[in-house]
Amino acid sequence: MTLYYSLVFALLVFEMAVFMSLIIPLPFSWKRKLFTFISESPLVAKLQYGLRITFIFILILFVDSVNRVYRVQVELSMAKQQSGAAAAVAGSERMEVQARKFYSQRNMYLCGFTLFLSLILNRTYVMILDVLRLEEEVKRLKGDKPANDKAQSKLGEAGEMGEIGRLREELKKRDKDIEVLKSQSKGLSDEYQRLGDQFHVSDGTPKKNV
């Protein structure tokens, strides 16, 4: 394996280690501190910038390895079409072509998996940040909501009790008003009866007091 493919393999192992560290279950406070450090550290930002440039070169290697696999496959098909007279020579050439095919496919898979895992890491990192943000929001709402609910329930109960007391006071006042109206109506009725009796007395024979 050449030097640059060895570096690609080392990068693949590093990506696997990072992916395992991302999916390991950690306490919420530890995970929040870790991702806060990753998102705010200038060193990590420079590392990410360097990795983007590295992935561009790995993409070029991946395209080159795909091209090599295609060319080796064409050579292998041509070797199969050789005549039986040159079978011994063709056999050795075929083994060489098979070896080159193996190495080309290995390099293609190595670069392809490295690029694919980089996309998975990026998406996983974004999803974990979203989950942490939502968990913080849920904890904040759960921390404020019970107090608000208790306060609102107390205010509601106090409002209901005050409304009931106010209605009772109004009923008492209306009962008193009704009693006053009854007494006034009775007094008016007695006064009307007295005036009627006086009117009859003034028109006719006055009534004798018993």
C-alpha atoms as a PDB file:
ATOM      1  CA  MET A   1       0.000   0.000   0.000  1.00  0.00           C
ATOM      2  CA  THR A   2       1.377   3.382  -1.023  1.00  0.00           C
ATOM      3  CA  LEU A   3       1.837   6.257   1.397  1.00  0.00           C
ATOM      4  CA  TYR A   4      -1.245   8.246   0.435  1.00  0.00           C
ATOM      5  CA  TYR A   5      -3.495   5.184   0.641  1.00  0.00           C
ATOM      6  CA  SER A   6      -1.973   4.431   4.043  1.00  0.00           C
ATOM      7  CA  LEU A   7      -2.945   7.968   5.103  1.00  0.00           C
ATOM      8  CA  VAL A   8      -6.460   7.372   3.764  1.00  0.00           C
ATOM      9  CA  PHE A   9      -6.669   4.171   5.824  1.00  0.00           C
ATOM     10  CA  ALA A  10      -5.478   6.068   8.931  1.00  0.00           C
ATOM     11  CA  LEU A  11      -8.151   8.709   8.287  1.00  0.00           C
ATOM     12  CA  LEU A  12     -10.778   5.975   7.974  1.00  0.00           C
ATOM     13  CA  VAL A  13      -9.756   4.520  11.343  1.00  0.00           C
ATOM     14  CA  PHE A  14      -9.885   8.015  12.858  1.00  0.00           C
ATOM     15  CA  GLU A  15     -13.390   8.549  11.486  1.00  0.00           C
ATOM     16  CA  MET A  16     -14.515   5.218  12.923  1.00  0.00           C
ATOM     17  CA  ALA A  17     -13.158   6.212  16.342  1.00  0.00           C
ATOM     18  CA  VAL A  18     -14.901   9.593  16.170  1.00  0.00           C
ATOM     19  CA  PHE A  19     -18.165   7.949  15.141  1.00  0.00           C
ATOM     20  CA  MET A  20     -17.984   5.520  18.064  1.00  0.00           C
ATOM     21  CA  SER A  21     -17.321   8.404  20.453  1.00  0.00           C
ATOM     22  CA  LEU A  22     -20.377  10.227  19.098  1.00  0.00           C
ATOM     23  CA  ILE A  23     -22.771   7.333  19.591  1.00  0.00           C
ATOM     24  CA  ILE A  24     -21.518   6.349  23.055  1.00  0.00           C
ATOM     25  CA  PRO A  25     -24.240   7.214  25.608  1.00  0.00           C
ATOM     26  CA  LEU A  26     -23.016   9.969  27.906  1.00  0.00           C
ATOM     27  CA  PRO A  27     -24.697  12.096  30.595  1.00  0.00           C
ATOM     28  CA  PHE A  28     -26.438  15.149  29.239  1.00  0.00           C
ATOM     29  CA  SER A  29     -24.109  17.616  30.966  1.00  0.00           C
ATOM     30  CA  TRP A  30     -20.961  15.875  29.661  1.00  0.00           C
ATOM     31  CA  LYS A  31     -22.318  15.661  26.131  1.00  0.00           C
ATOM     32  CA  ARG A  32     -23.335  19.321  26.187  1.00  0.00           C
ATOM     33  CA  LYS A  33     -19.869  20.410  27.349  1.00  0.00           C
ATOM     34  CA  LEU A  34     -18.185  18.201  24.732  1.00  0.00           C
ATOM     35  CA  PHE A  35     -20.223  19.511  21.814  1.00  0.00           C
ATOM     36  CA  THR A  36     -19.968  23.074  23.067  1.00  0.00           C
ATOM     37  CA  PHE A  37     -16.192  22.695  23.013  1.00  0.00           C
ATOM     38  CA  ILE A  38     -16.274  21.159  19.521  1.00  0.00           C
ATOM     39  CA  SER A  39     -18.528  23.852  18.101  1.00  0.00           C
ATOM     40  CA  GLU A  40     -16.675  26.788  19.701  1.00  0.00           C
ATOM     41  CA  SER A  41     -13.031  25.689  19.640  1.00  0.00           C
ATOM     42  CA  PRO A  42     -10.917  27.467  16.954  1.00  0.00           C
ATOM     43  CA  LEU A  43      -8.557  24.472  16.858  1.00  0.00           C
ATOM     44  CA  VAL A  44     -11.403  22.157  15.910  1.00  0.00           C
ATOM     45  CA  ALA A  45     -12.548  24.641  13.264  1.00  0.00           C
ATOM     46  CA  LYS A  46      -9.079  24.632  11.676  1.00  0.00           C
ATOM     47  CA  LEU A  47      -9.025  20.835  11.819  1.00  0.00           C
ATOM     48  CA  GLN A  48     -12.382  20.662  10.065  1.00  0.00           C
ATOM     49  CA  TYR A  49     -11.132  23.035   7.362  1.00  0.00           C
ATOM     50  CA  GLY A  50      -8.076  20.857   6.800  1.00  0.00           C
ATOM     51  CA  LEU A  51     -10.225  17.723   6.635  1.00  0.00           C
ATOM     52  CA  ARG A  52     -12.412  19.292   3.949  1.00  0.00           C
ATOM     53  CA  ILE A  53      -9.330  19.854   1.779  1.00  0.00           C
ATOM     54  CA  THR A  54      -8.176  16.294   2.509  1.00  0.00           C
ATOM     55  CA  PHE A  55     -11.534  14.883   1.433  1.00  0.00           C
ATOM     56  CA  ILE A  56     -11.204  16.693  -1.903  1.00  0.00           C
ATOM     57  CA  PHE A  57      -7.948  14.808  -2.544  1.00  0.00           C
ATOM     58  CA  ILE A  58      -9.573  11.558  -1.402  1.00  0.00           C
ATOM     59  CA  LEU A  59     -12.371  12.172  -3.895  1.00  0.00           C
ATOM     60  CA  ILE A  60      -9.767  12.525  -6.644  1.00  0.00           C
ATOM     61  CA  LEU A  61      -8.170   9.238  -5.529  1.00  0.00           C
ATOM     62  CA  PHE A  62     -11.583   7.578  -5.537  1.00  0.00           C
ATOM     63  CA  VAL A  63     -12.256   8.677  -9.133  1.00  0.00           C
ATOM     64  CA  ASP A  64      -8.782   7.474 -10.162  1.00  0.00           C
ATOM     65  CA  SER A  65      -9.300   4.093  -8.490  1.00  0.00           C
ATOM     66  CA  VAL A  66     -12.659   3.650 -10.234  1.00  0.00           C
ATOM     67  CA  ASN A  67     -10.960   4.413 -13.537  1.00  0.00           C
ATOM     68  CA  ARG A  68      -8.218   1.877 -12.788  1.00  0.00           C
ATOM     69  CA  VAL A  69     -10.774  -0.812 -11.916  1.00  0.00           C
ATOM     70  CA  TYR A  70     -12.522  -0.205 -15.219  1.00  0.00           C
ATOM     71  CA  ARG A  71      -9.279  -0.423 -17.223  1.00  0.00           C
ATOM     72  CA  VAL A  72      -8.167  -3.581 -15.427  1.00  0.00           C
ATOM     73  CA  GLN A  73     -11.566  -5.148 -16.096  1.00  0.00           C
ATOM     74  CA  VAL A  74     -11.140  -4.379 -19.802  1.00  0.00           C
ATOM     75  CA  GLU A  75      -7.642  -5.938 -19.807  1.00  0.00           C
ATOM     76  CA  LEU A  76      -8.938  -9.010 -18.029  1.00  0.00           C
ATOM     77  CA  SER A  77     -11.684  -9.513 -20.570  1.00  0.00           C
ATOM     78  CA  MET A  78      -9.133  -9.151 -23.375  1.00  0.00           C
ATOM     79  CA  ALA A  79      -6.856 -11.736 -21.711  1.00  0.00           C
ATOM     80  CA  LYS A  80      -9.715 -14.237 -21.630  1.00  0.00           C
ATOM     81  CA  GLN A  81     -10.099 -13.918 -25.373  1.00  0.00           C
ATOM     82  CA  GLN A  82      -6.500 -14.960 -26.146  1.00  0.00           C
ATOM     83  CA  SER A  83      -5.878 -18.205 -27.994  1.00  0.00           C
ATOM     84  CA  GLY A  84      -4.804 -21.476 -26.416  1.00  0.00           C
ATOM     85  CA  ALA A  85      -1.353 -21.339 -28.046  1.00  0.00           C
ATOM     86  CA  ALA A  86      -0.260 -18.575 -25.746  1.00  0.00           C
ATOM     87  CA  ALA A  87      -2.053 -20.016 -22.738  1.00  0.00           C
ATOM     88  CA  ALA A  88       1.015 -20.085 -20.474  1.00  0.00           C
ATOM     89  CA  VAL A  89       1.937 -16.487 -21.211  1.00  0.00           C
ATOM     90  CA  ALA A  90      -1.668 -15.448 -20.999  1.00  0.00           C
ATOM     91  CA  GLY A  91      -1.964 -17.187 -17.630  1.00  0.00           C
ATOM     92  CA  SER A  92       0.854 -15.208 -16.072  1.00  0.00           C
ATOM     93  CA  GLU A  93      -0.478 -11.982 -17.544  1.00  0.00           C
ATOM     94  CA  ARG A  94      -3.920 -12.822 -16.268  1.00  0.00           C
ATOM     95  CA  MET A  95      -2.618 -13.303 -12.723  1.00  0.00           C
ATOM     96  CA  GLU A  96      -0.919  -9.924 -12.930  1.00  0.00           C
ATOM     97  CA  VAL A  97      -4.142  -8.355 -14.163  1.00  0.00           C
ATOM     98  CA  GLN A  98      -6.069 -10.062 -11.339  1.00  0.00           C
ATOM     99  CA  ALA A  99      -3.608  -8.664  -8.796  1.00  0.00           C
ATOM    100  CA  ARG A 100      -3.938  -5.165 -10.224  1.00  0.00           C
ATOM    101  CA  LYS A 101      -7.720  -5.575 -10.168  1.00  0.00           C
ATOM    102  CA  PHE A 102      -7.604  -6.563  -6.503  1.00  0.00           C
ATOM    103  CA  TYR A 103      -5.466  -3.561  -5.524  1.00  0.00           C
ATOM    104  CA  SER A 104      -7.588  -1.177  -7.594  1.00  0.00           C
ATOM    105  CA  GLN A 105     -10.808  -2.444  -5.994  1.00  0.00           C
ATOM    106  CA  ARG A 106      -9.220  -2.234  -2.549  1.00  0.00           C
ATOM    107  CA  ASN A 107      -8.249   1.390  -3.136  1.00  0.00           C
ATOM    108  CA  MET A 108     -11.687   2.185  -4.535  1.00  0.00           C
ATOM    109  CA  TYR A 109     -13.460   0.694  -1.500  1.00  0.00           C
ATOM    110  CA  LEU A 110     -11.050   2.389   0.887  1.00  0.00           C
ATOM    111  CA  CYS A 111     -11.605   5.861  -0.598  1.00  0.00           C
ATOM    112  CA  GLY A 112     -15.332   5.269  -1.023  1.00  0.00           C
ATOM    113  CA  PHE A 113     -15.908   4.178   2.570  1.00  0.00           C
ATOM    114  CA  THR A 114     -13.813   7.081   3.858  1.00  0.00           C
ATOM    115  CA  LEU A 115     -15.908   9.608   1.907  1.00  0.00           C
ATOM    116  CA  PHE A 116     -19.174   7.919   2.871  1.00  0.00           C
ATOM    117  CA  LEU A 117     -18.265   7.844   6.559  1.00  0.00           C
ATOM    118  CA  SER A 118     -17.361  11.539   6.431  1.00  0.00           C
ATOM    119  CA  LEU A 119     -20.909  12.309   5.257  1.00  0.00           C
ATOM    120  CA  ILE A 120     -22.347  10.121   8.024  1.00  0.00           C
ATOM    121  CA  LEU A 121     -20.216  11.895  10.637  1.00  0.00           C
ATOM    122  CA  ASN A 122     -21.325  15.302   9.446  1.00  0.00           C
ATOM    123  CA  ARG A 123     -24.992  14.357   9.522  1.00  0.00           C
ATOM    124  CA  THR A 124     -24.683  12.630  12.904  1.00  0.00           C
ATOM    125  CA  TYR A 125     -22.972  15.692  14.393  1.00  0.00           C
ATOM    126  CA  VAL A 126     -25.750  18.002  13.160  1.00  0.00           C
ATOM    127  CA  MET A 127     -28.462  15.664  14.462  1.00  0.00           C
ATOM    128  CA  ILE A 128     -26.844  15.406  17.904  1.00  0.00           C
ATOM    129  CA  LEU A 129     -26.641  19.205  18.115  1.00  0.00           C
ATOM    130  CA  ASP A 130     -30.354  19.413  17.274  1.00  0.00           C
ATOM    131  CA  VAL A 131     -31.175  16.784  19.904  1.00  0.00           C
ATOM    132  CA  LEU A 132     -29.170  18.644  22.559  1.00  0.00           C
ATOM    133  CA  ARG A 133     -30.913  21.905  21.685  1.00  0.00           C
ATOM    134  CA  LEU A 134     -34.329  20.249  21.933  1.00  0.00           C
ATOM    135  CA  GLU A 135     -33.444  18.568  25.242  1.00  0.00           C
ATOM    136  CA  GLU A 136     -32.360  21.905  26.699  1.00  0.00           C
ATOM    137  CA  GLU A 137     -35.603  23.474  25.535  1.00  0.00           C
ATOM    138  CA  VAL A 138     -37.672  20.640  27.013  1.00  0.00           C
ATOM    139  CA  LYS A 139     -35.849  20.876  30.345  1.00  0.00           C
ATOM    140  CA  ARG A 140     -36.326  24.629  30.397  1.00  0.00           C
ATOM    141  CA  LEU A 141     -40.047  24.265  29.733  1.00  0.00           C
ATOM    142  CA  LYS A 142     -40.404  21.508  32.308  1.00  0.00           C
ATOM    143  CA  GLY A 143     -38.596  23.654  34.843  1.00  0.00           C
ATOM    144  CA  ASP A 144     -40.839  26.688  34.308  1.00  0.00           C
ATOM    145  CA  LYS A 145     -44.141  25.041  33.571  1.00  0.00           C
ATOM    146  CA  PRO A 146     -44.938  23.480  37.003  1.00  0.00           C
ATOM    147  CA  ALA A 147     -44.399  26.770  38.795  1.00  0.00           C
ATOM    148  CA  ASN A 148     -46.545  28.555  36.257  1.00  0.00           C
ATOM    149  CA  ASP A 149     -49.212  25.885  36.481  1.00  0.00           C
ATOM    150  CA  LYS A 150     -49.275  26.104  40.277  1.00  0.00           C
ATOM    151  CA  ALA A 151     -49.444  29.870  40.195  1.00  0.00           C
ATOM    152  CA  GLN A 152     -52.165  29.823  37.580  1.00  0.00           C
ATOM    153  CA  SER A 153     -54.144  27.182  39.492  1.00  0.00           C
ATOM    154  CA  LYS A 154     -53.855  29.209  42.689  1.00  0.00           C
ATOM    155  CA  LEU A 155     -54.921  32.336  40.891  1.00  0.00           C
ATOM    156  CA  GLY A 156     -57.798  30.432  39.304  1.00  0.00           C
ATOM    157  CA  GLU A 157     -58.931  29.065  42.672  1.00  0.00           C
ATOM    158  CA  ALA A 158     -58.629  32.481  44.263  1.00  0.00           C
ATOM    159  CA  GLY A 159     -60.572  33.987  41.381  1.00  0.00           C
ATOM    160  CA  GLU A 160     -63.300  31.374  41.701  1.00  0.00           C
ATOM    161  CA  MET A 161     -63.559  31.862  45.478  1.00  0.00           C
ATOM    162  CA  GLY A 162     -63.690  35.619  45.031  1.00  0.00           C
ATOM    163  CA  GLU A 163     -66.389  35.272  42.384  1.00  0.00           C
ATOM    164  CA  ILE A 164     -68.453  32.990  44.630  1.00  0.00           C
ATOM    165  CA  GLY A 165     -68.087  35.384  47.553  1.00  0.00           C
ATOM    166  CA  ARG A 166     -69.092  38.322  45.371  1.00  0.00           C
ATOM    167  CA  LEU A 167     -72.186  36.497  44.146  1.00  0.00           C
ATOM    168  CA  ARG A 168     -73.163  35.598  47.686  1.00  0.00           C
ATOM    169  CA  GLU A 169     -72.849  39.221  48.728  1.00  0.00           C
ATOM    170  CA  GLU A 170     -75.008  40.279  45.810  1.00  0.00           C
ATOM    171  CA  LEU A 171     -77.618  37.667  46.755  1.00  0.00           C
ATOM    172  CA  LYS A 172     -77.643  38.958  50.306  1.00  0.00           C
ATOM    173  CA  LYS A 173     -78.051  42.526  49.094  1.00  0.00           C
ATOM    174  CA  ARG A 174     -80.871  41.514  46.789  1.00  0.00           C
ATOM    175  CA  ASP A 175     -82.583  39.615  49.607  1.00  0.00           C
ATOM    176  CA  LYS A 176     -82.354  42.753  51.731  1.00  0.00           C
ATOM    177  CA  ASP A 177     -83.688  44.845  48.854  1.00  0.00           C
ATOM    178  CA  ILE A 178     -86.573  42.405  48.427  1.00  0.00           C
ATOM    179  CA  GLU A 179     -87.382  42.624  52.143  1.00  0.00           C
ATOM    180  CA  VAL A 180     -87.283  46.406  51.942  1.00  0.00           C
ATOM    181  CA  LEU A 181     -89.541  46.374  48.899  1.00  0.00           C
ATOM    182  CA  LYS A 182     -91.955  44.024  50.669  1.00  0.00           C
ATOM    183  CA  SER A 183     -92.108  46.286  53.707  1.00  0.00           C
ATOM    184  CA  GLN A 184     -92.541  49.341  51.485  1.00  0.00           C
ATOM    185  CA  SER A 185     -95.284  47.654  49.494  1.00  0.00           C
ATOM    186  CA  LYS A 186     -97.015  46.630  52.703  1.00  0.00           C
ATOM    187  CA  GLY A 187     -96.772  50.183  54.039  1.00  0.00           C
ATOM    188  CA  LEU A 188     -98.126  51.556  50.776  1.00  0.00           C
ATOM    189  CA  SER A 189    -100.972  49.043  50.885  1.00  0.00           C
ATOM    190  CA  ASP A 190    -101.852  50.041  54.453  1.00  0.00           C
ATOM    191  CA  GLU A 191    -101.648  53.719  53.547  1.00  0.00           C
ATOM    192  CA  TYR A 192    -103.874  53.143  50.518  1.00  0.00           C
ATOM    193  CA  GLN A 193    -106.388  51.267  52.701  1.00  0.00           C
ATOM    194  CA  ARG A 194    -106.356  54.110  55.233  1.00  0.00           C
ATOM    195  CA  LEU A 195    -106.865  56.752  52.585  1.00  0.00           C
ATOM    196  CA  GLY A 196    -109.690  54.712  51.082  1.00  0.00           C
ATOM    197  CA  ASP A 197    -111.387  54.457  54.434  1.00  0.00           C
ATOM    198  CA  GLN A 198    -111.029  58.183  54.963  1.00  0.00           C
ATOM    199  CA  PHE A 199    -112.455  58.870  51.507  1.00  0.00           C
ATOM    200  CA  HIS A 200    -115.536  56.730  52.231  1.00  0.00           C
ATOM    201  CA  VAL A 201    -115.992  58.434  55.573  1.00  0.00           C
ATOM    202  CA  SER A 202    -115.870  61.885  54.011  1.00  0.00           C
ATOM    203  CA  ASP A 203    -118.516  60.930  51.403  1.00  0.00           C
ATOM    204  CA  GLY A 204    -120.962  59.122  53.703  1.00  0.00           C
ATOM    205  CA  THR A 205    -121.705  58.362  57.259  1.00  0.00           C
ATOM    206  CA  PRO A 206    -118.540  58.263  59.233  1.00  0.00           C
ATOM    207  CA  LYS A 207    -117.630  54.949  60.694  1.00  0.00           C
ATOM    208  CA  LYS A 208    -117.891  54.494  64.398  1.00  0.00           C
ATOM    209  CA  ASN A 209    -114.811  53.641  66.227  1.00  0.00           C
ATOM    210  CA  VAL A 210    -115.182  50.336  67.979  1.00  0.00           C
END
